[in-house]
């Protein structure tokens, strides 16, 4: 009886510890790629069953630019090719974030103002925990507008900024 009690206490403690380790916030520092001057920060905060994405980016050409989560947390290549393709754990076709079918990493476009700055605040269906977590992936800003339909990446051009998504503040 004591052994069963001990095992139950241990099991409950492990569940409590695992739950306490749930990530609720993550961030990425964007670094310039492909000869650009683009930099910025992106934060991800769990809010209910969605994740709030707040981005402040500068150094862009005015206009729209593709904005995606990529499958690898590796921004080491000069052109950010090391980040791999769009994060797509459910094997969907490319699309906009509100399309019925799209990659988890398809965040759509950001729109830089006349000074090359962007402030983005959106909510989306993605996870900071579990097998489909965006932690350890990367955020990539592209040189051109994402057409929100063409596989695999929306014809959005070169990768002008990249940052690895890390858990924490």
N, C-alpha and C. Protein backbone atom coordinates (compact mmCIF):
# COMPACT_ATOMS: atom_id res chain seq x y z
N UNK A 1 0.82 -1.19 0.00
CA UNK A 1 0.00 0.00 0.00
C UNK A 1 0.87 1.26 0.00
N UNK A 2 1.95 1.22 0.80
CA UNK A 2 2.84 2.38 0.85
C UNK A 2 3.48 2.61 -0.52
N UNK A 3 3.81 1.52 -1.20
CA UNK A 3 4.45 1.64 -2.51
C UNK A 3 3.49 2.29 -3.52
N UNK A 4 2.24 1.88 -3.52
CA UNK A 4 1.25 2.47 -4.42
C UNK A 4 1.08 3.96 -4.11
N UNK A 5 1.01 4.29 -2.83
CA UNK A 5 0.89 5.69 -2.43
C UNK A 5 2.10 6.50 -2.91
N UNK A 6 3.30 5.96 -2.73
CA UNK A 6 4.51 6.64 -3.17
C UNK A 6 4.51 6.84 -4.68
N UNK A 7 4.12 5.80 -5.43
CA UNK A 7 4.06 5.91 -6.89
C UNK A 7 3.04 6.96 -7.33
N UNK A 8 1.90 7.02 -6.66
CA UNK A 8 0.88 8.02 -6.99
C UNK A 8 1.40 9.43 -6.73
N UNK A 9 2.06 9.64 -5.62
CA UNK A 9 2.61 10.95 -5.29
C UNK A 9 3.67 11.35 -6.32
N UNK A 10 4.53 10.41 -6.68
CA UNK A 10 5.57 10.67 -7.67
C UNK A 10 4.95 11.03 -9.02
N UNK A 11 3.94 10.27 -9.43
CA UNK A 11 3.26 10.52 -10.69
C UNK A 11 2.61 11.90 -10.70
N UNK A 12 1.93 12.28 -9.64
CA UNK A 12 1.30 13.59 -9.55
C UNK A 12 2.32 14.72 -9.54
N UNK A 13 3.44 14.48 -8.89
CA UNK A 13 4.51 15.49 -8.87
C UNK A 13 5.07 15.69 -10.27
N UNK A 14 5.26 14.60 -11.01
CA UNK A 14 5.75 14.72 -12.38
C UNK A 14 4.77 15.47 -13.27
N UNK A 15 3.50 15.21 -13.12
CA UNK A 15 2.48 15.93 -13.89
C UNK A 15 2.52 17.41 -13.55
N UNK A 16 2.59 17.73 -12.27
CA UNK A 16 2.64 19.13 -11.85
C UNK A 16 3.89 19.81 -12.39
N UNK A 17 5.02 19.15 -12.35
CA UNK A 17 6.27 19.72 -12.86
C UNK A 17 6.18 19.95 -14.36
N UNK A 18 5.65 18.98 -15.09
CA UNK A 18 5.52 19.13 -16.54
C UNK A 18 4.60 20.29 -16.89
N UNK A 19 3.49 20.42 -16.15
CA UNK A 19 2.56 21.51 -16.41
C UNK A 19 3.20 22.86 -16.09
N UNK A 20 4.00 22.91 -15.04
CA UNK A 20 4.67 24.16 -14.66
C UNK A 20 5.68 24.59 -15.70
N UNK A 21 6.13 23.67 -16.54
CA UNK A 21 7.14 23.98 -17.55
C UNK A 21 6.53 24.47 -18.86
N UNK A 22 5.19 24.56 -18.94
CA UNK A 22 4.56 25.06 -20.16
C UNK A 22 5.08 26.45 -20.49
N UNK A 23 5.48 26.63 -21.75
CA UNK A 23 5.97 27.92 -22.20
C UNK A 23 4.77 28.82 -22.51
N UNK A 24 4.81 30.04 -22.03
CA UNK A 24 3.74 30.99 -22.30
C UNK A 24 4.22 32.21 -23.08
N UNK A 25 5.54 32.33 -23.24
CA UNK A 25 6.10 33.48 -23.94
C UNK A 25 7.40 33.08 -24.64
N UNK A 26 7.61 33.62 -25.82
CA UNK A 26 8.83 33.37 -26.58
C UNK A 26 9.19 34.63 -27.35
N UNK A 27 10.43 34.68 -27.83
CA UNK A 27 10.85 35.85 -28.60
C UNK A 27 11.89 35.47 -29.64
N UNK A 28 12.05 36.37 -30.59
CA UNK A 28 13.08 36.21 -31.63
C UNK A 28 13.66 37.58 -31.93
N UNK A 29 14.97 37.64 -32.03
CA UNK A 29 15.66 38.86 -32.44
C UNK A 29 16.02 38.70 -33.90
N UNK A 30 15.47 39.56 -34.76
CA UNK A 30 15.72 39.47 -36.19
C UNK A 30 17.06 40.09 -36.55
N UNK A 31 17.82 39.36 -37.35
CA UNK A 31 19.12 39.82 -37.84
C UNK A 31 19.05 39.98 -39.35
N UNK A 32 19.78 40.94 -39.87
CA UNK A 32 19.82 41.22 -41.32
C UNK A 32 20.37 40.03 -42.07
N UNK A 33 19.79 39.76 -43.24
CA UNK A 33 20.24 38.69 -44.13
C UNK A 33 20.20 39.18 -45.57
N UNK A 34 20.86 38.49 -46.46
CA UNK A 34 20.87 38.78 -47.89
C UNK A 34 21.28 40.21 -48.20
N UNK A 35 22.19 40.77 -47.41
CA UNK A 35 22.70 42.11 -47.65
C UNK A 35 21.76 43.23 -47.25
N UNK A 36 20.70 42.92 -46.53
CA UNK A 36 19.73 43.95 -46.12
C UNK A 36 20.19 44.67 -44.84
N UNK A 37 19.39 45.62 -44.42
CA UNK A 37 19.62 46.32 -43.16
C UNK A 37 18.44 46.07 -42.21
N UNK A 38 17.66 45.01 -42.45
CA UNK A 38 16.44 44.73 -41.70
C UNK A 38 16.79 44.10 -40.34
N UNK A 39 16.22 44.67 -39.27
CA UNK A 39 16.38 44.14 -37.91
C UNK A 39 15.04 44.28 -37.19
N UNK A 40 14.94 43.68 -36.03
CA UNK A 40 13.72 43.84 -35.24
C UNK A 40 13.57 42.77 -34.19
N UNK A 41 12.41 42.80 -33.55
CA UNK A 41 12.07 41.81 -32.53
C UNK A 41 10.65 41.30 -32.77
N UNK A 42 10.44 40.05 -32.40
CA UNK A 42 9.12 39.44 -32.49
C UNK A 42 8.89 38.71 -31.17
N UNK A 43 7.73 38.97 -30.53
CA UNK A 43 7.37 38.24 -29.32
C UNK A 43 6.12 37.42 -29.57
N UNK A 44 6.05 36.28 -28.92
CA UNK A 44 4.93 35.36 -29.02
C UNK A 44 4.43 35.12 -27.60
N UNK A 45 3.14 35.38 -27.36
CA UNK A 45 2.57 35.23 -26.03
C UNK A 45 1.30 34.40 -26.11
N UNK A 46 1.25 33.34 -25.33
CA UNK A 46 0.05 32.49 -25.30
C UNK A 46 -1.10 33.28 -24.67
N UNK A 47 -2.22 33.35 -25.38
CA UNK A 47 -3.43 33.99 -24.87
C UNK A 47 -4.60 33.06 -25.16
N UNK A 48 -5.02 32.31 -24.14
CA UNK A 48 -6.07 31.32 -24.34
C UNK A 48 -5.59 30.22 -25.25
N UNK A 49 -6.35 29.93 -26.32
CA UNK A 49 -5.94 28.88 -27.25
C UNK A 49 -5.25 29.44 -28.48
N UNK A 50 -4.85 30.71 -28.42
CA UNK A 50 -4.13 31.34 -29.52
C UNK A 50 -2.79 31.88 -29.02
N UNK A 51 -1.99 32.35 -29.97
CA UNK A 51 -0.73 32.99 -29.64
C UNK A 51 -0.75 34.39 -30.25
N UNK A 52 -0.47 35.38 -29.42
CA UNK A 52 -0.38 36.77 -29.87
C UNK A 52 1.04 37.01 -30.38
N UNK A 53 1.14 37.57 -31.57
CA UNK A 53 2.42 37.86 -32.20
C UNK A 53 2.56 39.38 -32.29
N UNK A 54 3.62 39.91 -31.67
CA UNK A 54 3.90 41.35 -31.74
C UNK A 54 5.29 41.51 -32.34
N UNK A 55 5.35 42.26 -33.44
CA UNK A 55 6.63 42.46 -34.14
C UNK A 55 6.89 43.94 -34.32
N UNK A 56 8.13 44.33 -34.10
CA UNK A 56 8.61 45.67 -34.41
C UNK A 56 9.85 45.50 -35.27
N UNK A 57 9.74 45.93 -36.52
CA UNK A 57 10.78 45.68 -37.52
C UNK A 57 11.12 46.99 -38.21
N UNK A 58 12.40 47.16 -38.52
CA UNK A 58 12.84 48.36 -39.23
C UNK A 58 13.85 48.00 -40.31
N UNK A 59 14.07 48.95 -41.22
CA UNK A 59 15.05 48.74 -42.29
C UNK A 59 14.48 48.13 -43.56
N UNK A 60 13.17 48.00 -43.64
CA UNK A 60 12.53 47.41 -44.82
C UNK A 60 12.30 48.45 -45.90
N UNK A 61 12.14 48.00 -47.13
CA UNK A 61 11.65 48.86 -48.19
C UNK A 61 10.16 49.05 -47.93
N UNK A 62 9.62 50.24 -48.16
CA UNK A 62 8.17 50.44 -47.96
C UNK A 62 7.36 49.44 -48.79
N UNK A 63 6.27 48.96 -48.20
CA UNK A 63 5.39 48.01 -48.87
C UNK A 63 5.28 46.71 -48.13
N UNK A 64 4.68 45.73 -48.79
CA UNK A 64 4.39 44.44 -48.17
C UNK A 64 5.55 43.46 -48.31
N UNK A 65 5.70 42.64 -47.27
CA UNK A 65 6.76 41.63 -47.20
C UNK A 65 6.21 40.36 -46.56
N UNK A 66 6.53 39.21 -47.15
CA UNK A 66 6.15 37.94 -46.55
C UNK A 66 6.75 37.78 -45.16
N UNK A 67 5.98 37.18 -44.26
CA UNK A 67 6.36 37.03 -42.86
C UNK A 67 5.97 35.62 -42.43
N UNK A 68 6.97 34.79 -42.12
CA UNK A 68 6.70 33.37 -41.88
C UNK A 68 7.51 32.80 -40.72
N UNK A 69 7.01 31.69 -40.19
CA UNK A 69 7.79 30.86 -39.28
C UNK A 69 8.36 29.73 -40.14
N UNK A 70 9.68 29.53 -40.03
CA UNK A 70 10.35 28.49 -40.81
C UNK A 70 10.71 27.30 -39.90
N UNK A 71 10.94 26.16 -40.52
CA UNK A 71 11.03 24.88 -39.81
C UNK A 71 12.28 24.67 -38.97
N UNK A 72 13.34 25.40 -39.23
CA UNK A 72 14.59 25.19 -38.48
C UNK A 72 14.99 26.45 -37.74
N UNK A 73 15.50 26.28 -36.56
CA UNK A 73 16.00 27.39 -35.76
C UNK A 73 17.46 27.65 -36.07
N UNK A 74 17.74 27.90 -37.33
CA UNK A 74 19.12 28.12 -37.77
C UNK A 74 19.14 29.27 -38.76
N UNK A 75 19.68 30.40 -38.34
CA UNK A 75 19.78 31.60 -39.19
C UNK A 75 21.23 31.86 -39.59
N UNK A 76 22.06 30.83 -39.55
CA UNK A 76 23.50 31.03 -39.76
C UNK A 76 23.89 31.37 -41.19
N UNK A 77 23.13 30.96 -42.18
CA UNK A 77 23.49 31.24 -43.57
C UNK A 77 23.26 32.71 -43.90
N UNK A 78 24.12 33.26 -44.74
CA UNK A 78 24.02 34.68 -45.12
C UNK A 78 22.68 35.02 -45.76
N UNK A 79 22.05 34.03 -46.40
CA UNK A 79 20.75 34.24 -47.04
C UNK A 79 19.61 33.59 -46.25
N UNK A 80 19.90 33.11 -45.05
CA UNK A 80 18.92 32.45 -44.16
C UNK A 80 18.34 31.17 -44.74
N UNK A 81 18.96 30.59 -45.76
CA UNK A 81 18.49 29.32 -46.31
C UNK A 81 18.57 28.21 -45.25
N UNK A 82 19.44 28.39 -44.27
CA UNK A 82 19.60 27.40 -43.20
C UNK A 82 18.34 27.27 -42.34
N UNK A 83 17.40 28.20 -42.45
CA UNK A 83 16.14 28.14 -41.70
C UNK A 83 15.16 27.14 -42.30
N UNK A 84 15.47 26.60 -43.47
CA UNK A 84 14.60 25.62 -44.11
C UNK A 84 13.34 26.27 -44.67
N UNK A 85 12.34 25.43 -44.93
CA UNK A 85 11.07 25.89 -45.49
C UNK A 85 10.11 26.35 -44.41
N UNK A 86 8.91 26.69 -44.82
CA UNK A 86 7.89 27.12 -43.86
C UNK A 86 7.58 25.98 -42.89
N UNK A 87 7.31 26.34 -41.64
CA UNK A 87 6.93 25.36 -40.63
C UNK A 87 5.55 24.84 -41.01
N UNK A 88 5.45 23.54 -41.27
CA UNK A 88 4.22 22.95 -41.81
C UNK A 88 4.00 21.54 -41.26
N UNK A 89 3.82 21.42 -39.93
CA UNK A 89 3.69 20.09 -39.34
C UNK A 89 2.45 19.32 -39.76
N UNK A 90 1.43 20.01 -40.28
CA UNK A 90 0.20 19.33 -40.69
C UNK A 90 0.12 19.10 -42.19
N UNK A 91 1.22 19.39 -42.92
CA UNK A 91 1.34 19.11 -44.35
C UNK A 91 0.21 19.73 -45.19
N UNK A 92 0.02 21.02 -45.01
CA UNK A 92 -0.99 21.78 -45.75
C UNK A 92 -0.36 22.50 -46.93
N UNK A 93 -1.20 23.03 -47.82
CA UNK A 93 -0.72 23.88 -48.90
C UNK A 93 -0.48 25.28 -48.35
N UNK A 94 0.35 26.06 -49.02
CA UNK A 94 0.63 27.43 -48.62
C UNK A 94 -0.63 28.29 -48.77
N UNK A 95 -0.79 29.25 -47.87
CA UNK A 95 -1.92 30.16 -47.95
C UNK A 95 -1.78 31.27 -46.94
N UNK A 96 -2.74 32.17 -46.93
CA UNK A 96 -2.76 33.25 -45.95
C UNK A 96 -3.20 32.72 -44.60
N UNK A 97 -2.94 33.46 -43.52
CA UNK A 97 -3.27 32.98 -42.18
C UNK A 97 -4.76 32.76 -41.94
N UNK A 98 -5.62 33.38 -42.72
CA UNK A 98 -7.06 33.18 -42.53
C UNK A 98 -7.65 32.19 -43.54
N UNK A 99 -6.82 31.66 -44.43
CA UNK A 99 -7.28 30.67 -45.41
C UNK A 99 -7.59 29.35 -44.69
N UNK A 100 -8.58 28.60 -45.20
CA UNK A 100 -8.89 27.31 -44.56
C UNK A 100 -7.70 26.35 -44.54
N UNK A 101 -6.87 26.43 -45.55
CA UNK A 101 -5.69 25.57 -45.60
C UNK A 101 -4.45 26.46 -45.72
N UNK A 102 -3.51 26.28 -44.79
CA UNK A 102 -2.25 27.02 -44.82
C UNK A 102 -1.25 26.37 -43.87
N UNK A 103 0.02 26.67 -44.08
CA UNK A 103 1.06 26.18 -43.17
C UNK A 103 0.88 26.85 -41.81
N UNK A 104 1.26 26.17 -40.75
CA UNK A 104 1.28 26.81 -39.43
C UNK A 104 2.16 28.06 -39.46
N UNK A 105 3.21 28.02 -40.26
CA UNK A 105 4.14 29.14 -40.36
C UNK A 105 3.70 30.27 -41.27
N UNK A 106 2.56 30.16 -41.93
CA UNK A 106 2.09 31.21 -42.83
C UNK A 106 1.44 32.34 -42.04
N UNK A 107 2.19 33.39 -41.79
CA UNK A 107 1.67 34.54 -41.04
C UNK A 107 1.23 35.68 -41.96
N UNK A 108 1.32 35.50 -43.26
CA UNK A 108 0.85 36.51 -44.20
C UNK A 108 1.91 37.53 -44.54
N UNK A 109 1.48 38.79 -44.63
CA UNK A 109 2.37 39.88 -44.98
C UNK A 109 2.41 40.93 -43.89
N UNK A 110 3.53 41.60 -43.81
CA UNK A 110 3.64 42.80 -43.00
C UNK A 110 3.76 43.95 -43.98
N UNK A 111 3.36 45.15 -43.56
CA UNK A 111 3.32 46.30 -44.46
C UNK A 111 4.18 47.43 -43.87
N UNK A 112 5.36 47.62 -44.46
CA UNK A 112 6.29 48.64 -43.98
C UNK A 112 5.82 50.03 -44.43
N UNK A 113 5.89 50.97 -43.52
CA UNK A 113 5.51 52.35 -43.84
C UNK A 113 6.61 53.03 -44.67
N UNK A 114 6.43 54.32 -44.94
CA UNK A 114 7.36 55.07 -45.79
C UNK A 114 8.77 55.13 -45.20
N UNK A 115 8.90 54.93 -43.88
CA UNK A 115 10.23 54.95 -43.24
C UNK A 115 10.83 53.55 -43.10
N UNK A 116 10.12 52.53 -43.60
CA UNK A 116 10.63 51.16 -43.54
C UNK A 116 10.36 50.45 -42.24
N UNK A 117 9.42 50.98 -41.45
CA UNK A 117 9.11 50.37 -40.15
C UNK A 117 7.76 49.65 -40.19
N UNK A 118 7.68 48.62 -39.34
CA UNK A 118 6.45 47.85 -39.18
C UNK A 118 6.20 47.62 -37.71
N UNK A 119 4.94 47.81 -37.30
CA UNK A 119 4.49 47.32 -35.99
C UNK A 119 3.32 46.41 -36.28
N UNK A 120 3.45 45.15 -35.87
CA UNK A 120 2.42 44.15 -36.12
C UNK A 120 1.92 43.62 -34.80
N UNK A 121 0.61 43.42 -34.70
CA UNK A 121 0.00 42.82 -33.52
C UNK A 121 -1.14 41.95 -34.02
N UNK A 122 -0.95 40.62 -33.98
CA UNK A 122 -1.98 39.70 -34.46
C UNK A 122 -2.06 38.49 -33.57
N UNK A 123 -3.15 37.75 -33.70
CA UNK A 123 -3.31 36.49 -32.98
C UNK A 123 -3.49 35.39 -34.01
N UNK A 124 -2.95 34.20 -33.68
CA UNK A 124 -3.05 33.08 -34.60
C UNK A 124 -3.04 31.76 -33.88
N UNK A 125 -3.41 30.73 -34.61
CA UNK A 125 -3.42 29.37 -34.09
C UNK A 125 -2.04 28.76 -34.28
N UNK A 126 -1.28 28.70 -33.21
CA UNK A 126 0.03 28.04 -33.20
C UNK A 126 0.30 27.65 -31.76
N UNK A 127 1.34 26.90 -31.53
CA UNK A 127 1.61 26.38 -30.20
C UNK A 127 3.02 26.73 -29.73
N UNK A 128 3.12 27.01 -28.44
CA UNK A 128 4.42 27.22 -27.81
C UNK A 128 4.86 25.97 -27.05
N UNK A 129 4.07 24.91 -27.11
CA UNK A 129 4.35 23.66 -26.40
C UNK A 129 3.97 22.47 -27.26
N UNK A 130 4.54 21.33 -26.94
CA UNK A 130 4.16 20.09 -27.60
C UNK A 130 4.85 19.86 -28.93
N UNK A 131 4.40 18.84 -29.65
CA UNK A 131 5.09 18.43 -30.88
C UNK A 131 5.02 19.45 -32.01
N UNK A 132 4.02 20.33 -32.02
CA UNK A 132 3.89 21.34 -33.06
C UNK A 132 4.32 22.72 -32.58
N UNK A 133 5.14 22.76 -31.54
CA UNK A 133 5.60 24.02 -30.97
C UNK A 133 6.47 24.80 -31.96
N UNK A 134 6.34 26.13 -31.92
CA UNK A 134 7.19 26.99 -32.74
C UNK A 134 8.53 27.30 -32.05
N UNK A 135 8.68 26.90 -30.79
CA UNK A 135 9.94 27.12 -30.07
C UNK A 135 11.05 26.36 -30.80
N UNK A 136 12.17 27.02 -31.01
CA UNK A 136 13.29 26.40 -31.71
C UNK A 136 13.19 26.51 -33.22
N UNK A 137 12.12 27.11 -33.72
CA UNK A 137 11.99 27.38 -35.16
C UNK A 137 12.54 28.79 -35.40
N UNK A 138 12.32 29.35 -36.58
CA UNK A 138 12.79 30.72 -36.85
C UNK A 138 11.68 31.55 -37.48
N UNK A 139 11.82 32.86 -37.34
CA UNK A 139 10.93 33.83 -37.99
C UNK A 139 11.74 34.43 -39.14
N UNK A 140 11.12 34.52 -40.31
CA UNK A 140 11.80 35.06 -41.48
C UNK A 140 10.93 36.16 -42.11
N UNK A 141 11.60 37.26 -42.49
CA UNK A 141 10.97 38.33 -43.25
C UNK A 141 11.53 38.25 -44.66
N UNK A 142 10.65 38.33 -45.65
CA UNK A 142 11.05 38.22 -47.06
C UNK A 142 11.08 39.59 -47.74
N UNK A 143 11.79 39.65 -48.85
CA UNK A 143 11.96 40.92 -49.57
C UNK A 143 10.70 41.38 -50.28
N UNK A 144 9.82 40.46 -50.68
CA UNK A 144 8.65 40.81 -51.47
C UNK A 144 7.36 40.34 -50.77
N UNK A 145 6.26 40.78 -51.34
CA UNK A 145 4.94 40.41 -50.85
C UNK A 145 4.67 38.93 -51.10
N UNK A 146 4.07 38.27 -50.12
CA UNK A 146 3.62 36.88 -50.25
C UNK A 146 2.29 36.91 -51.00
N UNK A 147 2.17 36.13 -52.08
CA UNK A 147 0.92 36.09 -52.85
C UNK A 147 -0.16 35.25 -52.16
N UNK A 148 0.18 34.62 -51.05
CA UNK A 148 -0.74 33.86 -50.19
C UNK A 148 -1.36 32.64 -50.87
N UNK A 149 -0.73 32.14 -51.94
CA UNK A 149 -1.28 30.95 -52.60
C UNK A 149 -0.25 30.02 -53.21
N UNK A 150 0.85 30.55 -53.73
CA UNK A 150 1.80 29.72 -54.47
C UNK A 150 2.65 28.87 -53.52
N UNK A 151 2.64 27.55 -53.73
CA UNK A 151 3.49 26.65 -52.95
C UNK A 151 4.91 26.75 -53.46
N UNK A 152 5.91 26.64 -52.63
CA UNK A 152 5.77 26.43 -51.19
C UNK A 152 5.84 27.71 -50.36
N UNK A 153 6.19 28.86 -50.97
CA UNK A 153 6.47 30.04 -50.14
C UNK A 153 5.84 31.34 -50.61
N UNK A 154 4.88 31.29 -51.52
CA UNK A 154 4.17 32.49 -51.91
C UNK A 154 4.93 33.47 -52.79
N UNK A 155 5.99 33.00 -53.44
CA UNK A 155 6.79 33.86 -54.33
C UNK A 155 7.24 35.14 -53.62
N UNK A 156 7.65 35.03 -52.38
CA UNK A 156 7.98 36.21 -51.59
C UNK A 156 9.45 36.60 -51.62
N UNK A 157 10.23 35.96 -52.43
CA UNK A 157 11.61 36.41 -52.66
C UNK A 157 12.60 36.07 -51.57
N UNK A 158 13.71 36.79 -51.61
CA UNK A 158 14.83 36.55 -50.69
C UNK A 158 14.43 36.75 -49.23
N UNK A 159 15.21 36.14 -48.38
CA UNK A 159 15.01 36.26 -46.93
C UNK A 159 15.88 37.41 -46.44
N UNK A 160 15.25 38.50 -46.00
CA UNK A 160 16.00 39.70 -45.62
C UNK A 160 16.25 39.82 -44.12
N UNK A 161 15.58 39.00 -43.32
CA UNK A 161 15.84 38.97 -41.88
C UNK A 161 15.43 37.62 -41.33
N UNK A 162 16.12 37.19 -40.27
CA UNK A 162 15.86 35.89 -39.66
C UNK A 162 16.18 35.95 -38.18
N UNK A 163 15.35 35.29 -37.36
CA UNK A 163 15.61 35.20 -35.93
C UNK A 163 15.09 33.89 -35.37
N UNK A 164 15.85 33.28 -34.48
CA UNK A 164 15.45 32.01 -33.86
C UNK A 164 14.47 32.30 -32.73
N UNK A 165 13.42 31.50 -32.64
CA UNK A 165 12.39 31.65 -31.60
C UNK A 165 12.84 30.90 -30.36
N UNK A 166 13.02 31.65 -29.26
CA UNK A 166 13.47 31.08 -27.99
C UNK A 166 12.42 31.29 -26.91
N UNK A 167 12.26 30.31 -26.03
CA UNK A 167 11.33 30.41 -24.92
C UNK A 167 11.79 31.47 -23.93
N UNK A 168 10.85 32.13 -23.29
CA UNK A 168 11.17 33.10 -22.23
C UNK A 168 10.93 34.52 -22.66
N UNK A 169 11.33 35.42 -21.77
CA UNK A 169 11.13 36.85 -22.04
C UNK A 169 12.20 37.33 -22.92
